[in-house]
């Protein structure tokens, strides 16, 4: 697999088909999508639209990996990994599991995610 392939940028109103065709390849339902902080600069309604698109891609059999700090996105994930800095260029995994499992961890992410899952906070 070659990483770092250019893809055109998408607005939050993009459909799963538009994102799915971002590389020019026909959609197969067996594609890995990697998104790095896709909610940066988006209005909360646009975040909801993006989540709909990402879940639709998963429902179609694709895998979606999202690097994200927005806990409104994190709380909808199937699986979460939480990392902490370990030196200037390394990170250490301090927890992994469902959002509900991460919310039980005594970490900054766990504490805030617990509030978000309970409906008392936003990511």
PDB file of N, CA and C in Angstrom:
ATOM      1  N   UNK A   1       0.846  -1.158   0.000  1.00  0.00           N
ATOM      2  CA  UNK A   1       0.000   0.000   0.000  1.00  0.00           C
ATOM      3  C   UNK A   1       0.900   1.231   0.000  1.00  0.00           C
ATOM      4  N   UNK A   2       0.559   2.168  -0.851  1.00  0.00           N
ATOM      5  CA  UNK A   2       1.296   3.414  -0.917  1.00  0.00           C
ATOM      6  C   UNK A   2       0.490   4.480  -0.187  1.00  0.00           C
ATOM      7  N   UNK A   3       1.097   5.105   0.819  1.00  0.00           N
ATOM      8  CA  UNK A   3       0.421   6.159   1.571  1.00  0.00           C
ATOM      9  C   UNK A   3       0.784   7.510   0.995  1.00  0.00           C
ATOM     10  N   UNK A   4      -0.019   8.489   1.322  1.00  0.00           N
ATOM     11  CA  UNK A   4       0.274   9.843   0.891  1.00  0.00           C
ATOM     12  C   UNK A   4      -0.197  10.151  -0.507  1.00  0.00           C
ATOM     13  N   UNK A   5      -1.123   9.354  -1.026  1.00  0.00           N
ATOM     14  CA  UNK A   5      -1.651   9.620  -2.350  1.00  0.00           C
ATOM     15  C   UNK A   5      -2.488  10.883  -2.294  1.00  0.00           C
ATOM     16  N   UNK A   6      -2.308  11.753  -3.254  1.00  0.00           N
ATOM     17  CA  UNK A   6      -3.106  12.984  -3.228  1.00  0.00           C
ATOM     18  C   UNK A   6      -4.573  12.679  -3.489  1.00  0.00           C
ATOM     19  N   UNK A   7      -5.404  13.409  -2.829  1.00  0.00           N
ATOM     20  CA  UNK A   7      -6.847  13.324  -3.056  1.00  0.00           C
ATOM     21  C   UNK A   7      -7.367  14.745  -3.032  1.00  0.00           C
ATOM     22  N   UNK A   8      -8.397  14.983  -3.780  1.00  0.00           N
ATOM     23  CA  UNK A   8      -8.925  16.341  -3.787  1.00  0.00           C
ATOM     24  C   UNK A   8      -9.653  16.604  -2.473  1.00  0.00           C
ATOM     25  N   UNK A   9      -9.650  17.852  -2.024  1.00  0.00           N
ATOM     26  CA  UNK A   9     -10.330  18.181  -0.763  1.00  0.00           C
ATOM     27  C   UNK A   9     -11.843  18.097  -0.937  1.00  0.00           C
ATOM     28  N   UNK A  10     -12.526  17.835   0.172  1.00  0.00           N
ATOM     29  CA  UNK A  10     -13.975  17.706   0.158  1.00  0.00           C
ATOM     30  C   UNK A  10     -14.580  18.655   1.159  1.00  0.00           C
ATOM     31  N   UNK A  11     -15.745  19.151   0.817  1.00  0.00           N
ATOM     32  CA  UNK A  11     -16.513  19.941   1.764  1.00  0.00           C
ATOM     33  C   UNK A  11     -17.422  18.983   2.523  1.00  0.00           C
ATOM     34  N   UNK A  12     -17.957  19.455   3.626  1.00  0.00           N
ATOM     35  CA  UNK A  12     -18.807  18.590   4.457  1.00  0.00           C
ATOM     36  C   UNK A  12     -20.034  18.091   3.720  1.00  0.00           C
ATOM     37  N   UNK A  13     -20.483  18.795   2.710  1.00  0.00           N
ATOM     38  CA  UNK A  13     -21.665  18.374   1.972  1.00  0.00           C
ATOM     39  C   UNK A  13     -21.384  17.274   0.972  1.00  0.00           C
ATOM     40  N   UNK A  14     -20.144  16.805   0.906  1.00  0.00           N
ATOM     41  CA  UNK A  14     -19.789  15.753  -0.041  1.00  0.00           C
ATOM     42  C   UNK A  14     -20.554  14.479   0.268  1.00  0.00           C
ATOM     43  N   UNK A  15     -20.866  13.735  -0.769  1.00  0.00           N
ATOM     44  CA  UNK A  15     -21.556  12.462  -0.576  1.00  0.00           C
ATOM     45  C   UNK A  15     -20.538  11.348  -0.448  1.00  0.00           C
ATOM     46  N   UNK A  16     -20.992  10.205   0.018  1.00  0.00           N
ATOM     47  CA  UNK A  16     -20.099   9.042   0.132  1.00  0.00           C
ATOM     48  C   UNK A  16     -19.524   8.696  -1.231  1.00  0.00           C
ATOM     49  N   UNK A  17     -20.332   8.830  -2.277  1.00  0.00           N
ATOM     50  CA  UNK A  17     -19.847   8.534  -3.624  1.00  0.00           C
ATOM     51  C   UNK A  17     -18.746   9.471  -4.057  1.00  0.00           C
ATOM     52  N   UNK A  18     -18.869  10.770  -3.719  1.00  0.00           N
ATOM     53  CA  UNK A  18     -17.827  11.730  -4.072  1.00  0.00           C
ATOM     54  C   UNK A  18     -16.545  11.426  -3.320  1.00  0.00           C
ATOM     55  N   UNK A  19     -16.643  11.123  -2.036  1.00  0.00           N
ATOM     56  CA  UNK A  19     -15.452  10.771  -1.269  1.00  0.00           C
ATOM     57  C   UNK A  19     -14.912   9.437  -1.766  1.00  0.00           C
ATOM     58  N   UNK A  20     -15.798   8.498  -2.017  1.00  0.00           N
ATOM     59  CA  UNK A  20     -15.391   7.177  -2.480  1.00  0.00           C
ATOM     60  C   UNK A  20     -14.685   7.208  -3.819  1.00  0.00           C
ATOM     61  N   UNK A  21     -14.958   8.200  -4.629  1.00  0.00           N
ATOM     62  CA  UNK A  21     -14.317   8.296  -5.931  1.00  0.00           C
ATOM     63  C   UNK A  21     -13.146   9.269  -5.927  1.00  0.00           C
ATOM     64  N   UNK A  22     -12.702   9.694  -4.752  1.00  0.00           N
ATOM     65  CA  UNK A  22     -11.652  10.698  -4.636  1.00  0.00           C
ATOM     66  C   UNK A  22     -10.342  10.327  -5.291  1.00  0.00           C
ATOM     67  N   UNK A  23     -10.042   9.052  -5.410  1.00  0.00           N
ATOM     68  CA  UNK A  23      -8.788   8.643  -6.035  1.00  0.00           C
ATOM     69  C   UNK A  23      -8.968   8.366  -7.516  1.00  0.00           C
ATOM     70  N   UNK A  24     -10.193   8.438  -7.993  1.00  0.00           N
ATOM     71  CA  UNK A  24     -10.458   8.128  -9.392  1.00  0.00           C
ATOM     72  C   UNK A  24     -10.724   6.656  -9.621  1.00  0.00           C
ATOM     73  N   UNK A  25     -10.533   5.834  -8.597  1.00  0.00           N
ATOM     74  CA  UNK A  25     -10.779   4.395  -8.720  1.00  0.00           C
ATOM     75  C   UNK A  25     -12.261   4.121  -8.488  1.00  0.00           C
ATOM     76  N   UNK A  26     -12.803   3.107  -9.155  1.00  0.00           N
ATOM     77  CA  UNK A  26     -14.211   2.784  -8.916  1.00  0.00           C
ATOM     78  C   UNK A  26     -14.402   2.268  -7.490  1.00  0.00           C
ATOM     79  N   UNK A  27     -15.516   2.619  -6.843  1.00  0.00           N
ATOM     80  CA  UNK A  27     -15.755   2.126  -5.484  1.00  0.00           C
ATOM     81  C   UNK A  27     -15.917   0.618  -5.478  1.00  0.00           C
ATOM     82  N   UNK A  28     -15.267  -0.031  -4.519  1.00  0.00           N
ATOM     83  CA  UNK A  28     -15.317  -1.489  -4.454  1.00  0.00           C
ATOM     84  C   UNK A  28     -16.025  -2.005  -3.208  1.00  0.00           C
ATOM     85  N   UNK A  29     -16.191  -1.148  -2.206  1.00  0.00           N
ATOM     86  CA  UNK A  29     -16.729  -1.626  -0.942  1.00  0.00           C
ATOM     87  C   UNK A  29     -15.661  -2.293  -0.098  1.00  0.00           C
ATOM     88  N   UNK A  30     -14.415  -2.273  -0.571  1.00  0.00           N
ATOM     89  CA  UNK A  30     -13.291  -2.857   0.168  1.00  0.00           C
ATOM     90  C   UNK A  30     -12.129  -1.879   0.180  1.00  0.00           C
ATOM     91  N   UNK A  31     -12.432  -0.630   0.495  1.00  0.00           N
ATOM     92  CA  UNK A  31     -11.433   0.427   0.436  1.00  0.00           C
ATOM     93  C   UNK A  31     -11.134   0.924   1.839  1.00  0.00           C
ATOM     94  N   UNK A  32      -9.877   1.267   2.088  1.00  0.00           N
ATOM     95  CA  UNK A  32      -9.462   1.889   3.344  1.00  0.00           C
ATOM     96  C   UNK A  32      -9.375   3.389   3.105  1.00  0.00           C
ATOM     97  N   UNK A  33     -10.140   4.155   3.863  1.00  0.00           N
ATOM     98  CA  UNK A  33     -10.089   5.614   3.815  1.00  0.00           C
ATOM     99  C   UNK A  33      -9.415   6.097   5.085  1.00  0.00           C
ATOM    100  N   UNK A  34      -8.414   6.959   4.952  1.00  0.00           N
ATOM    101  CA  UNK A  34      -7.721   7.539   6.093  1.00  0.00           C
ATOM    102  C   UNK A  34      -7.954   9.043   6.050  1.00  0.00           C
ATOM    103  N   UNK A  35      -8.568   9.576   7.094  1.00  0.00           N
ATOM    104  CA  UNK A  35      -8.862  11.005   7.167  1.00  0.00           C
ATOM    105  C   UNK A  35      -8.173  11.587   8.386  1.00  0.00           C
ATOM    106  N   UNK A  36      -7.445  12.668   8.182  1.00  0.00           N
ATOM    107  CA  UNK A  36      -6.703  13.329   9.249  1.00  0.00           C
ATOM    108  C   UNK A  36      -7.414  14.626   9.623  1.00  0.00           C
ATOM    109  N   UNK A  37      -8.021  14.642  10.802  1.00  0.00           N
ATOM    110  CA  UNK A  37      -8.734  15.808  11.324  1.00  0.00           C
ATOM    111  C   UNK A  37      -9.741  16.373  10.320  1.00  0.00           C
ATOM    112  N   UNK A  38     -10.674  15.547   9.826  1.00  0.00           N
ATOM    113  CA  UNK A  38     -11.595  16.026   8.799  1.00  0.00           C
ATOM    114  C   UNK A  38     -12.597  17.080   9.279  1.00  0.00           C
ATOM    115  N   UNK A  39     -12.749  17.261  10.585  1.00  0.00           N
ATOM    116  CA  UNK A  39     -13.737  18.225  11.066  1.00  0.00           C
ATOM    117  C   UNK A  39     -13.163  19.620  11.287  1.00  0.00           C
ATOM    118  N   UNK A  40     -11.872  19.792  11.096  1.00  0.00           N
ATOM    119  CA  UNK A  40     -11.246  21.090  11.335  1.00  0.00           C
ATOM    120  C   UNK A  40     -11.944  22.180  10.522  1.00  0.00           C
ATOM    121  N   UNK A  41     -12.433  23.192  11.228  1.00  0.00           N
ATOM    122  CA  UNK A  41     -13.073  24.325  10.580  1.00  0.00           C
ATOM    123  C   UNK A  41     -14.528  24.116  10.199  1.00  0.00           C
ATOM    124  N   UNK A  42     -15.096  22.956  10.512  1.00  0.00           N
ATOM    125  CA  UNK A  42     -16.479  22.684  10.124  1.00  0.00           C
ATOM    126  C   UNK A  42     -17.471  23.146  11.192  1.00  0.00           C
ATOM    127  N   UNK A  43     -18.601  23.628  10.759  1.00  0.00           N
ATOM    128  CA  UNK A  43     -19.727  23.940  11.627  1.00  0.00           C
ATOM    129  C   UNK A  43     -20.291  22.612  12.145  1.00  0.00           C
ATOM    130  N   UNK A  44     -20.925  22.610  13.316  1.00  0.00           N
ATOM    131  CA  UNK A  44     -21.398  21.338  13.881  1.00  0.00           C
ATOM    132  C   UNK A  44     -22.385  20.629  12.975  1.00  0.00           C
ATOM    133  N   UNK A  45     -23.181  21.355  12.204  1.00  0.00           N
ATOM    134  CA  UNK A  45     -24.098  20.689  11.261  1.00  0.00           C
ATOM    135  C   UNK A  45     -23.314  20.001  10.139  1.00  0.00           C
ATOM    136  N   UNK A  46     -22.208  20.613   9.726  1.00  0.00           N
ATOM    137  CA  UNK A  46     -21.367  19.988   8.712  1.00  0.00           C
ATOM    138  C   UNK A  46     -20.679  18.737   9.268  1.00  0.00           C
ATOM    139  N   UNK A  47     -20.340  18.759  10.555  1.00  0.00           N
ATOM    140  CA  UNK A  47     -19.769  17.572  11.195  1.00  0.00           C
ATOM    141  C   UNK A  47     -20.788  16.439  11.152  1.00  0.00           C
ATOM    142  N   UNK A  48     -22.054  16.748  11.421  1.00  0.00           N
ATOM    143  CA  UNK A  48     -23.104  15.721  11.361  1.00  0.00           C
ATOM    144  C   UNK A  48     -23.235  15.148   9.957  1.00  0.00           C
ATOM    145  N   UNK A  49     -23.152  16.005   8.943  1.00  0.00           N
ATOM    146  CA  UNK A  49     -23.220  15.520   7.556  1.00  0.00           C
ATOM    147  C   UNK A  49     -22.032  14.616   7.244  1.00  0.00           C
ATOM    148  N   UNK A  50     -20.850  15.032   7.689  1.00  0.00           N
ATOM    149  CA  UNK A  50     -19.651  14.226   7.471  1.00  0.00           C
ATOM    150  C   UNK A  50     -19.794  12.861   8.139  1.00  0.00           C
ATOM    151  N   UNK A  51     -20.295  12.832   9.357  1.00  0.00           N
ATOM    152  CA  UNK A  51     -20.496  11.558  10.054  1.00  0.00           C
ATOM    153  C   UNK A  51     -21.435  10.649   9.279  1.00  0.00           C
ATOM    154  N   UNK A  52     -22.485  11.218   8.726  1.00  0.00           N
ATOM    155  CA  UNK A  52     -23.425  10.433   7.920  1.00  0.00           C
ATOM    156  C   UNK A  52     -22.696   9.798   6.738  1.00  0.00           C
ATOM    157  N   UNK A  53     -21.865  10.573   6.066  1.00  0.00           N
ATOM    158  CA  UNK A  53     -21.111  10.067   4.913  1.00  0.00           C
ATOM    159  C   UNK A  53     -20.144   8.962   5.348  1.00  0.00           C
ATOM    160  N   UNK A  54     -19.432   9.173   6.436  1.00  0.00           N
ATOM    161  CA  UNK A  54     -18.455   8.174   6.892  1.00  0.00           C
ATOM    162  C   UNK A  54     -19.140   6.877   7.300  1.00  0.00           C
ATOM    163  N   UNK A  55     -20.261   6.980   7.993  1.00  0.00           N
ATOM    164  CA  UNK A  55     -20.984   5.765   8.395  1.00  0.00           C
ATOM    165  C   UNK A  55     -21.546   5.033   7.176  1.00  0.00           C
ATOM    166  N   UNK A  56     -21.949   5.791   6.168  1.00  0.00           N
ATOM    167  CA  UNK A  56     -22.431   5.152   4.944  1.00  0.00           C
ATOM    168  C   UNK A  56     -21.312   4.399   4.239  1.00  0.00           C
ATOM    169  N   UNK A  57     -20.113   4.966   4.223  1.00  0.00           N
ATOM    170  CA  UNK A  57     -18.969   4.258   3.634  1.00  0.00           C
ATOM    171  C   UNK A  57     -18.726   2.937   4.368  1.00  0.00           C
ATOM    172  N   UNK A  58     -18.803   2.957   5.688  1.00  0.00           N
ATOM    173  CA  UNK A  58     -18.614   1.733   6.482  1.00  0.00           C
ATOM    174  C   UNK A  58     -19.732   0.741   6.190  1.00  0.00           C
ATOM    175  N   UNK A  59     -20.958   1.232   6.122  1.00  0.00           N
ATOM    176  CA  UNK A  59     -22.097   0.354   5.827  1.00  0.00           C
ATOM    177  C   UNK A  59     -21.951  -0.330   4.469  1.00  0.00           C
ATOM    178  N   UNK A  60     -21.212   0.291   3.555  1.00  0.00           N
ATOM    179  CA  UNK A  60     -20.983  -0.268   2.228  1.00  0.00           C
ATOM    180  C   UNK A  60     -19.804  -1.245   2.207  1.00  0.00           C
ATOM    181  N   UNK A  61     -19.220  -1.527   3.390  1.00  0.00           N
ATOM    182  CA  UNK A  61     -18.152  -2.511   3.471  1.00  0.00           C
ATOM    183  C   UNK A  61     -16.749  -1.939   3.469  1.00  0.00           C
ATOM    184  N   UNK A  62     -16.623  -0.623   3.497  1.00  0.00           N
ATOM    185  CA  UNK A  62     -15.309   0.015   3.516  1.00  0.00           C
ATOM    186  C   UNK A  62     -14.812   0.160   4.947  1.00  0.00           C
ATOM    187  N   UNK A  63     -13.544   0.446   5.096  1.00  0.00           N
ATOM    188  CA  UNK A  63     -12.950   0.730   6.395  1.00  0.00           C
ATOM    189  C   UNK A  63     -12.573   2.203   6.413  1.00  0.00           C
ATOM    190  N   UNK A  64     -12.951   2.886   7.483  1.00  0.00           N
ATOM    191  CA  UNK A  64     -12.651   4.307   7.625  1.00  0.00           C
ATOM    192  C   UNK A  64     -11.830   4.502   8.892  1.00  0.00           C
ATOM    193  N   UNK A  65     -10.623   5.033   8.737  1.00  0.00           N
ATOM    194  CA  UNK A  65      -9.732   5.351   9.850  1.00  0.00           C
ATOM    195  C   UNK A  65      -9.676   6.861   9.952  1.00  0.00           C
ATOM    196  N   UNK A  66     -10.061   7.390  11.111  1.00  0.00           N
ATOM    197  CA  UNK A  66     -10.112   8.839  11.294  1.00  0.00           C
ATOM    198  C   UNK A  66      -9.203   9.227  12.444  1.00  0.00           C
ATOM    199  N   UNK A  67      -8.284  10.147  12.180  1.00  0.00           N
ATOM    200  CA  UNK A  67      -7.463  10.747  13.225  1.00  0.00           C
ATOM    201  C   UNK A  67      -8.206  12.017  13.612  1.00  0.00           C
ATOM    202  N   UNK A  68      -8.704  12.077  14.838  1.00  0.00           N
ATOM    203  CA  UNK A  68      -9.620  13.166  15.179  1.00  0.00           C
ATOM    204  C   UNK A  68      -9.583  13.469  16.666  1.00  0.00           C
ATOM    205  N   UNK A  69      -9.724  14.757  17.016  1.00  0.00           N
ATOM    206  CA  UNK A  69      -9.840  15.182  18.403  1.00  0.00           C
ATOM    207  C   UNK A  69     -11.277  15.538  18.777  1.00  0.00           C
ATOM    208  N   UNK A  70     -12.136  15.725  17.798  1.00  0.00           N
ATOM    209  CA  UNK A  70     -13.524  16.112  18.041  1.00  0.00           C
ATOM    210  C   UNK A  70     -14.256  14.915  18.658  1.00  0.00           C
ATOM    211  N   UNK A  71     -14.641  15.051  19.921  1.00  0.00           N
ATOM    212  CA  UNK A  71     -15.242  13.925  20.631  1.00  0.00           C
ATOM    213  C   UNK A  71     -16.653  13.607  20.158  1.00  0.00           C
ATOM    214  N   UNK A  72     -17.296  14.538  19.443  1.00  0.00           N
ATOM    215  CA  UNK A  72     -18.580  14.210  18.841  1.00  0.00           C
ATOM    216  C   UNK A  72     -18.388  13.205  17.706  1.00  0.00           C
ATOM    217  N   UNK A  73     -17.208  13.171  17.123  1.00  0.00           N
ATOM    218  CA  UNK A  73     -16.857  12.165  16.121  1.00  0.00           C
ATOM    219  C   UNK A  73     -16.387  10.891  16.816  1.00  0.00           C
ATOM    220  N   UNK A  74     -15.504  11.045  17.788  1.00  0.00           N
ATOM    221  CA  UNK A  74     -14.941   9.896  18.502  1.00  0.00           C
ATOM    222  C   UNK A  74     -16.039   9.034  19.116  1.00  0.00           C
ATOM    223  N   UNK A  75     -17.072   9.657  19.666  1.00  0.00           N
ATOM    224  CA  UNK A  75     -18.123   8.894  20.355  1.00  0.00           C
ATOM    225  C   UNK A  75     -18.915   7.998  19.408  1.00  0.00           C
ATOM    226  N   UNK A  76     -18.830   8.234  18.094  1.00  0.00           N
ATOM    227  CA  UNK A  76     -19.572   7.398  17.142  1.00  0.00           C
ATOM    228  C   UNK A  76     -18.719   6.282  16.548  1.00  0.00           C
ATOM    229  N   UNK A  77     -17.454   6.217  16.948  1.00  0.00           N
ATOM    230  CA  UNK A  77     -16.537   5.232  16.371  1.00  0.00           C
ATOM    231  C   UNK A  77     -16.848   3.821  16.854  1.00  0.00           C
ATOM    232  N   UNK A  78     -16.473   2.848  16.036  1.00  0.00           N
ATOM    233  CA  UNK A  78     -16.557   1.447  16.456  1.00  0.00           C
ATOM    234  C   UNK A  78     -15.405   1.106  17.399  1.00  0.00           C
ATOM    235  N   UNK A  79     -14.237   1.706  17.163  1.00  0.00           N
ATOM    236  CA  UNK A  79     -13.038   1.403  17.937  1.00  0.00           C
ATOM    237  C   UNK A  79     -12.210   2.665  18.060  1.00  0.00           C
ATOM    238  N   UNK A  80     -11.657   2.901  19.241  1.00  0.00           N
ATOM    239  CA  UNK A  80     -10.892   4.112  19.522  1.00  0.00           C
ATOM    240  C   UNK A  80      -9.534   3.723  20.092  1.00  0.00           C
ATOM    241  N   UNK A  81      -8.511   4.425  19.657  1.00  0.00           N
ATOM    242  CA  UNK A  81      -7.184   4.320  20.274  1.00  0.00           C
ATOM    243  C   UNK A  81      -6.833   5.705  20.786  1.00  0.00           C
ATOM    244  N   UNK A  82      -6.419   5.796  22.023  1.00  0.00           N
ATOM    245  CA  UNK A  82      -6.023   7.076  22.585  1.00  0.00           C
ATOM    246  C   UNK A  82      -4.529   7.047  22.850  1.00  0.00           C
ATOM    247  N   UNK A  83      -3.864   8.122  22.444  1.00  0.00           N
ATOM    248  CA  UNK A  83      -2.406   8.203  22.476  1.00  0.00           C
ATOM    249  C   UNK A  83      -1.954   9.376  23.325  1.00  0.00           C
ATOM    250  N   UNK A  84      -0.736   9.257  23.866  1.00  0.00           N
ATOM    251  CA  UNK A  84      -0.107  10.373  24.568  1.00  0.00           C
ATOM    252  C   UNK A  84       1.300  10.546  24.010  1.00  0.00           C
ATOM    253  N   UNK A  85       1.826  11.768  24.095  1.00  0.00           N
ATOM    254  CA  UNK A  85       3.199  11.986  23.627  1.00  0.00           C
ATOM    255  C   UNK A  85       4.196  11.171  24.454  1.00  0.00           C
ATOM    256  N   UNK A  86       5.176  10.653  23.781  1.00  0.00           N
ATOM    257  CA  UNK A  86       6.272   9.944  24.444  1.00  0.00           C
ATOM    258  C   UNK A  86       7.552  10.392  23.747  1.00  0.00           C
ATOM    259  N   UNK A  87       8.000  11.567  24.127  1.00  0.00           N
ATOM    260  CA  UNK A  87       9.142  12.162  23.456  1.00  0.00           C
ATOM    261  C   UNK A  87       8.673  13.068  22.327  1.00  0.00           C
ATOM    262  N   UNK A  88       9.615  13.716  21.661  1.00  0.00           N
ATOM    263  CA  UNK A  88       9.254  14.706  20.644  1.00  0.00           C
ATOM    264  C   UNK A  88       8.638  14.123  19.374  1.00  0.00           C
ATOM    265  N   UNK A  89       8.909  12.865  19.068  1.00  0.00           N
ATOM    266  CA  UNK A  89       8.418  12.301  17.804  1.00  0.00           C
ATOM    267  C   UNK A  89       7.670  10.984  17.971  1.00  0.00           C
ATOM    268  N   UNK A  90       7.450  10.553  19.193  1.00  0.00           N
ATOM    269  CA  UNK A  90       6.796   9.264  19.414  1.00  0.00           C
ATOM    270  C   UNK A  90       5.516   9.437  20.215  1.00  0.00           C
ATOM    271  N   UNK A  91       4.638   8.464  20.078  1.00  0.00           N
ATOM    272  CA  UNK A  91       3.390   8.428  20.834  1.00  0.00           C
ATOM    273  C   UNK A  91       3.243   7.043  21.452  1.00  0.00           C
ATOM    274  N   UNK A  92       2.537   6.982  22.572  1.00  0.00           N
ATOM    275  CA  UNK A  92       2.274   5.705  23.229  1.00  0.00           C
ATOM    276  C   UNK A  92       0.764   5.514  23.329  1.00  0.00           C
ATOM    277  N   UNK A  93       0.304   4.303  23.060  1.00  0.00           N
ATOM    278  CA  UNK A  93      -1.110   3.975  23.202  1.00  0.00           C
ATOM    279  C   UNK A  93      -1.396   3.774  24.688  1.00  0.00           C
ATOM    280  N   UNK A  94      -2.358   4.534  25.210  1.00  0.00           N
ATOM    281  CA  UNK A  94      -2.728   4.392  26.621  1.00  0.00           C
ATOM    282  C   UNK A  94      -4.096   3.737  26.784  1.00  0.00           C
ATOM    283  N   UNK A  95      -4.769   3.515  25.677  1.00  0.00           N
ATOM    284  CA  UNK A  95      -6.047   2.836  25.752  1.00  0.00           C
ATOM    285  C   UNK A  95      -6.599   2.562  24.378  1.00  0.00           C
ATOM    286  N   UNK A  96      -7.361   1.476  24.283  1.00  0.00           N
ATOM    287  CA  UNK A  96      -8.075   1.170  23.049  1.00  0.00           C
ATOM    288  C   UNK A  96      -9.321   0.383  23.406  1.00  0.00           C
ATOM    289  N   UNK A  97     -10.350   0.589  22.602  1.00  0.00           N
ATOM    290  CA  UNK A  97     -11.609  -0.097  22.837  1.00  0.00           C
ATOM    291  C   UNK A  97     -12.758   0.712  22.265  1.00  0.00           C
ATOM    292  N   UNK A  98     -13.949   0.362  22.674  1.00  0.00           N
ATOM    293  CA  UNK A  98     -15.125   1.114  22.246  1.00  0.00           C
ATOM    294  C   UNK A  98     -15.099   2.477  22.943  1.00  0.00           C
ATOM    295  N   UNK A  99     -15.861   3.438  22.438  1.00  0.00           N
ATOM    296  CA  UNK A  99     -15.914   4.725  23.138  1.00  0.00           C
ATOM    297  C   UNK A  99     -16.332   4.564  24.612  1.00  0.00           C
ATOM    298  N   UNK A 100     -17.252   3.642  24.877  1.00  0.00           N
ATOM    299  CA  UNK A 100     -17.684   3.416  26.257  1.00  0.00           C
ATOM    300  C   UNK A 100     -16.550   2.868  27.119  1.00  0.00           C
ATOM    301  N   UNK A 101     -15.712   2.020  26.554  1.00  0.00           N
ATOM    302  CA  UNK A 101     -14.563   1.495  27.309  1.00  0.00           C
ATOM    303  C   UNK A 101     -13.524   2.588  27.545  1.00  0.00           C
ATOM    304  N   UNK A 102     -13.280   3.420  26.539  1.00  0.00           N
ATOM    305  CA  UNK A 102     -12.321   4.520  26.695  1.00  0.00           C
ATOM    306  C   UNK A 102     -12.809   5.493  27.765  1.00  0.00           C
ATOM    307  N   UNK A 103     -14.118   5.712  27.839  1.00  0.00           N
ATOM    308  CA  UNK A 103     -14.691   6.635  28.820  1.00  0.00           C
ATOM    309  C   UNK A 103     -14.461   6.184  30.257  1.00  0.00           C
ATOM    310  N   UNK A 104     -14.131   4.923  30.458  1.00  0.00           N
ATOM    311  CA  UNK A 104     -13.870   4.415  31.806  1.00  0.00           C
ATOM    312  C   UNK A 104     -12.405   4.545  32.218  1.00  0.00           C
ATOM    313  N   UNK A 105     -11.549   4.954  31.285  1.00  0.00           N
ATOM    314  CA  UNK A 105     -10.123   5.073  31.592  1.00  0.00           C
ATOM    315  C   UNK A 105      -9.830   6.347  32.374  1.00  0.00           C
ATOM    316  N   UNK A 106      -8.848   6.276  33.290  1.00  0.00           N
ATOM    317  CA  UNK A 106      -8.470   7.471  34.054  1.00  0.00           C
ATOM    318  C   UNK A 106      -7.486   8.347  33.260  1.00  0.00           C
ATOM    319  N   UNK A 107      -7.898   8.732  32.054  1.00  0.00           N
ATOM    320  CA  UNK A 107      -7.076   9.582  31.201  1.00  0.00           C
ATOM    321  C   UNK A 107      -7.870  10.839  30.878  1.00  0.00           C
ATOM    322  N   UNK A 108      -7.197  11.844  30.344  1.00  0.00           N
ATOM    323  CA  UNK A 108      -7.899  13.075  29.960  1.00  0.00           C
ATOM    324  C   UNK A 108      -8.986  12.767  28.939  1.00  0.00           C
ATOM    325  N   UNK A 109      -8.668  11.953  27.937  1.00  0.00           N
ATOM    326  CA  UNK A 109      -9.662  11.600  26.921  1.00  0.00           C
ATOM    327  C   UNK A 109     -10.820  10.835  27.548  1.00  0.00           C
ATOM    328  N   UNK A 110     -10.510   9.883  28.411  1.00  0.00           N
ATOM    329  CA  UNK A 110     -11.558   9.107  29.062  1.00  0.00           C
ATOM    330  C   UNK A 110     -12.498   9.965  29.877  1.00  0.00           C
ATOM    331  N   UNK A 111     -11.944  10.904  30.616  1.00  0.00           N
ATOM    332  CA  UNK A 111     -12.749  11.775  31.465  1.00  0.00           C
ATOM    333  C   UNK A 111     -13.704  12.630  30.640  1.00  0.00           C
ATOM    334  N   UNK A 112     -13.184  13.258  29.589  1.00  0.00           N
ATOM    335  CA  UNK A 112     -14.019  14.140  28.767  1.00  0.00           C
ATOM    336  C   UNK A 112     -15.006  13.327  27.926  1.00  0.00           C
ATOM    337  N   UNK A 113     -14.566  12.185  27.399  1.00  0.00           N
ATOM    338  CA  UNK A 113     -15.462  11.348  26.595  1.00  0.00           C
ATOM    339  C   UNK A 113     -16.629  10.838  27.438  1.00  0.00           C
ATOM    340  N   UNK A 114     -16.381  10.552  28.696  1.00  0.00           N
ATOM    341  CA  UNK A 114     -17.457  10.117  29.594  1.00  0.00           C
ATOM    342  C   UNK A 114     -18.535  11.193  29.693  1.00  0.00           C
ATOM    343  N   UNK A 115     -18.117  12.447  29.794  1.00  0.00           N
ATOM    344  CA  UNK A 115     -19.066  13.562  29.837  1.00  0.00           C
ATOM    345  C   UNK A 115     -19.836  13.693  28.525  1.00  0.00           C
ATOM    346  N   UNK A 116     -19.123  13.550  27.411  1.00  0.00           N
ATOM    347  CA  UNK A 116     -19.770  13.666  26.099  1.00  0.00           C
ATOM    348  C   UNK A 116     -20.792  12.542  25.909  1.00  0.00           C
ATOM    349  N   UNK A 117     -20.437  11.328  26.281  1.00  0.00           N
ATOM    350  CA  UNK A 117     -21.357  10.198  26.142  1.00  0.00           C
ATOM    351  C   UNK A 117     -22.586  10.366  27.032  1.00  0.00           C
ATOM    352  N   UNK A 118     -22.406  11.019  28.169  1.00  0.00           N
ATOM    353  CA  UNK A 118     -23.527  11.250  29.082  1.00  0.00           C
ATOM    354  C   UNK A 118     -24.392  12.438  28.641  1.00  0.00           C
ATOM    355  N   UNK A 119     -23.950  13.127  27.576  1.00  0.00           N
ATOM    356  CA  UNK A 119     -24.709  14.260  27.074  1.00  0.00           C
ATOM    357  C   UNK A 119     -24.443  15.556  27.790  1.00  0.00           C
ATOM    358  N   UNK A 120     -23.333  15.613  28.528  1.00  0.00           N
ATOM    359  CA  UNK A 120     -23.012  16.814  29.315  1.00  0.00           C
ATOM    360  C   UNK A 120     -21.897  17.652  28.698  1.00  0.00           C
ATOM    361  N   UNK A 121     -21.465  17.311  27.511  1.00  0.00           N
ATOM    362  CA  UNK A 121     -20.373  18.085  26.928  1.00  0.00           C
ATOM    363  C   UNK A 121     -20.275  17.868  25.433  1.00  0.00           C
ATOM    364  N   UNK A 122     -19.485  18.692  24.804  1.00  0.00           N
ATOM    365  CA  UNK A 122     -19.217  18.583  23.361  1.00  0.00           C
ATOM    366  C   UNK A 122     -17.734  18.370  23.167  1.00  0.00           C
ATOM    367  N   UNK A 123     -17.397  17.651  22.037  1.00  0.00           N
ATOM    368  CA  UNK A 123     -16.003  17.394  21.702  1.00  0.00           C
ATOM    369  C   UNK A 123     -15.337  18.507  21.051  1.00  0.00           C
TER     370      UNK A 123
END
